[in-house]
Amino acid sequence: VACSIAQKKTQDAGKANSINSQKIESPDTIGKIAKLVFDSTNYHFGSLKQGSLLKKEIYFTNPGPGDLVIELMSACECTSLDWSRLPIKPGTRSPIKIIYNSKDKIGPQIVDIEITANTNPPTTYCKFNLLVEL
């Protein structure tokens, strides 16, 4: 029994050392500017009934030489955004998930999305349009 316990402790210690020796990859940004290019800078999402949620995904690519690190992404209070918090490697295409709440909205709506990242210039914009109907 003691041999089994000692063997298990040795195996557990080996696993811990293996985990501790793994490198955490840091973004490749030193001396490299990333780029953020949307598939479109102006999206048209059609019509939506007032009080409904619109759920969409839009995509961007990092064609730059360095990893793209998004610091902040914002839109109006009626819109929530979800994106990768991990560095986006050069050549990679990545989604932004959009949820737009049309509560108390009516008529044509234009929502600006602002992204701050390690790009030049540091801020990139795109927008989407929709029509909220009763």
Protein backbone atom coordinates (compact mmCIF):
# COMPACT_ATOMS: atom_id res chain seq x y z
CA VAL A 1 0.00 0.00 0.00
CA ALA A 2 2.81 2.43 0.88
CA CYS A 3 4.42 1.75 -2.49
CA SER A 4 1.16 2.60 -4.28
CA ILE A 5 0.83 5.85 -2.37
CA ALA A 6 4.46 6.82 -3.04
CA GLN A 7 4.03 5.94 -6.73
CA LYS A 8 0.86 8.09 -6.95
CA LYS A 9 2.65 11.04 -5.29
CA THR A 10 5.48 10.72 -7.82
CA GLN A 11 2.98 10.64 -10.71
CA ASP A 12 1.14 13.67 -9.32
CA ALA A 13 4.42 15.57 -8.90
CA GLY A 14 5.34 14.71 -12.49
CA LYS A 15 2.01 16.10 -13.71
CA ALA A 16 2.50 19.30 -11.69
CA ASN A 17 6.01 19.78 -13.11
CA SER A 18 4.67 19.19 -16.62
CA ILE A 19 1.97 21.82 -16.12
CA ASN A 20 4.41 24.30 -14.58
CA SER A 21 6.88 23.87 -17.43
CA GLN A 22 4.30 24.72 -20.10
CA LYS A 23 4.82 28.19 -21.53
CA ILE A 24 2.02 30.70 -21.53
CA GLU A 25 2.19 32.25 -24.96
CA SER A 26 2.30 36.03 -24.93
CA PRO A 27 1.07 38.11 -27.88
CA ASP A 28 3.54 38.79 -30.68
CA THR A 29 3.26 42.59 -30.63
CA ILE A 30 6.77 43.89 -30.00
CA GLY A 31 7.62 46.24 -32.84
CA LYS A 32 4.64 45.00 -34.86
CA ILE A 33 1.41 46.84 -35.57
CA ALA A 34 -1.72 44.75 -36.02
CA LYS A 35 -4.52 45.62 -38.42
CA LEU A 36 -8.27 45.23 -38.05
CA VAL A 37 -10.24 44.98 -41.29
CA PHE A 38 -13.99 44.32 -41.28
CA ASP A 39 -15.74 42.35 -44.01
CA SER A 40 -17.80 45.56 -44.37
CA THR A 41 -17.77 48.87 -42.53
CA ASN A 42 -21.54 49.32 -42.92
CA TYR A 43 -23.93 46.40 -42.32
CA HIS A 44 -27.65 46.40 -43.18
CA PHE A 45 -29.69 44.10 -40.96
CA GLY A 46 -33.17 44.77 -42.36
CA SER A 47 -36.31 45.17 -40.22
CA LEU A 48 -37.03 44.20 -36.64
CA LYS A 49 -40.22 44.33 -34.61
CA GLN A 50 -40.05 46.78 -31.68
CA GLY A 51 -39.20 45.00 -28.44
CA SER A 52 -37.36 42.16 -30.21
CA LEU A 53 -33.70 41.20 -29.97
CA LEU A 54 -31.53 41.13 -33.07
CA LYS A 55 -28.67 38.60 -32.87
CA LYS A 56 -25.99 38.80 -35.55
CA GLU A 57 -22.33 38.07 -36.10
CA ILE A 58 -19.98 40.24 -38.09
CA TYR A 59 -16.39 39.35 -38.94
CA PHE A 60 -13.03 41.02 -39.11
CA THR A 61 -9.54 39.88 -40.09
CA ASN A 62 -6.09 40.75 -38.80
CA PRO A 63 -3.94 41.11 -41.95
CA GLY A 64 -1.15 42.81 -39.98
CA PRO A 65 2.23 41.40 -39.04
CA GLY A 66 1.55 41.38 -35.28
CA ASP A 67 -1.06 39.81 -33.03
CA LEU A 68 -4.22 41.91 -32.66
CA VAL A 69 -5.09 42.71 -29.05
CA ILE A 70 -8.47 44.38 -28.60
CA GLU A 71 -8.48 46.64 -25.55
CA LEU A 72 -12.06 47.89 -25.76
CA MET A 73 -15.12 47.47 -27.94
CA SER A 74 -18.20 49.62 -27.44
CA ALA A 75 -21.56 50.57 -28.96
CA CYS A 76 -24.74 52.24 -27.71
CA GLU A 77 -26.50 51.11 -24.51
CA CYS A 78 -29.01 49.06 -26.56
CA THR A 79 -26.24 46.87 -28.01
CA SER A 80 -24.10 44.22 -26.34
CA LEU A 81 -20.94 42.92 -28.00
CA ASP A 82 -18.93 39.76 -27.45
CA TRP A 83 -15.51 39.13 -29.02
CA SER A 84 -12.34 37.13 -28.44
CA ARG A 85 -10.33 38.44 -25.52
CA LEU A 86 -7.34 36.40 -26.74
CA PRO A 87 -4.75 37.80 -29.15
CA ILE A 88 -5.83 37.34 -32.77
CA LYS A 89 -2.99 35.98 -34.89
CA PRO A 90 -2.06 37.51 -38.27
CA GLY A 91 -4.28 36.20 -41.06
CA THR A 92 -7.00 35.10 -38.64
CA ARG A 93 -10.67 35.94 -39.15
CA SER A 94 -12.68 36.45 -35.96
CA PRO A 95 -16.36 37.14 -35.12
CA ILE A 96 -18.08 39.82 -33.09
CA LYS A 97 -21.40 38.66 -31.67
CA ILE A 98 -23.98 41.45 -31.57
CA ILE A 99 -27.21 41.55 -29.59
CA TYR A 100 -29.35 44.63 -30.28
CA ASN A 101 -32.36 45.32 -28.04
CA SER A 102 -35.07 47.27 -29.89
CA LYS A 103 -37.09 48.06 -26.74
CA ASP A 104 -38.36 51.67 -26.89
CA LYS A 105 -36.87 52.15 -30.40
CA ILE A 106 -38.77 53.04 -33.55
CA GLY A 107 -37.78 53.85 -37.13
CA PRO A 108 -34.33 53.77 -38.76
CA GLN A 109 -31.48 52.98 -36.37
CA ILE A 110 -27.75 53.41 -36.92
CA VAL A 111 -25.41 51.87 -34.36
CA ASP A 112 -21.70 52.70 -34.36
CA ILE A 113 -19.21 50.12 -33.07
CA GLU A 114 -15.87 51.48 -31.87
CA ILE A 115 -12.85 49.21 -31.36
CA THR A 116 -9.67 50.27 -29.59
CA ALA A 117 -6.72 47.97 -30.23
CA ASN A 118 -2.99 47.88 -30.96
CA THR A 119 -3.57 49.23 -34.48
CA ASN A 120 -2.57 52.41 -36.30
CA PRO A 121 -4.74 54.42 -35.88
CA PRO A 122 -5.68 52.88 -32.52
CA THR A 123 -9.44 53.15 -33.12
CA THR A 124 -11.42 51.35 -35.83
CA TYR A 125 -15.12 51.89 -36.56
CA CYS A 126 -17.95 50.09 -38.27
CA LYS A 127 -21.72 50.46 -38.07
CA PHE A 128 -24.92 48.64 -38.66
CA ASN A 129 -28.33 49.87 -39.78
CA LEU A 130 -31.78 48.45 -39.18
CA LEU A 131 -35.40 49.52 -39.22
CA VAL A 132 -37.44 49.04 -36.04
CA GLU A 133 -41.14 48.64 -36.80
CA LEU A 134 -44.22 48.56 -34.56
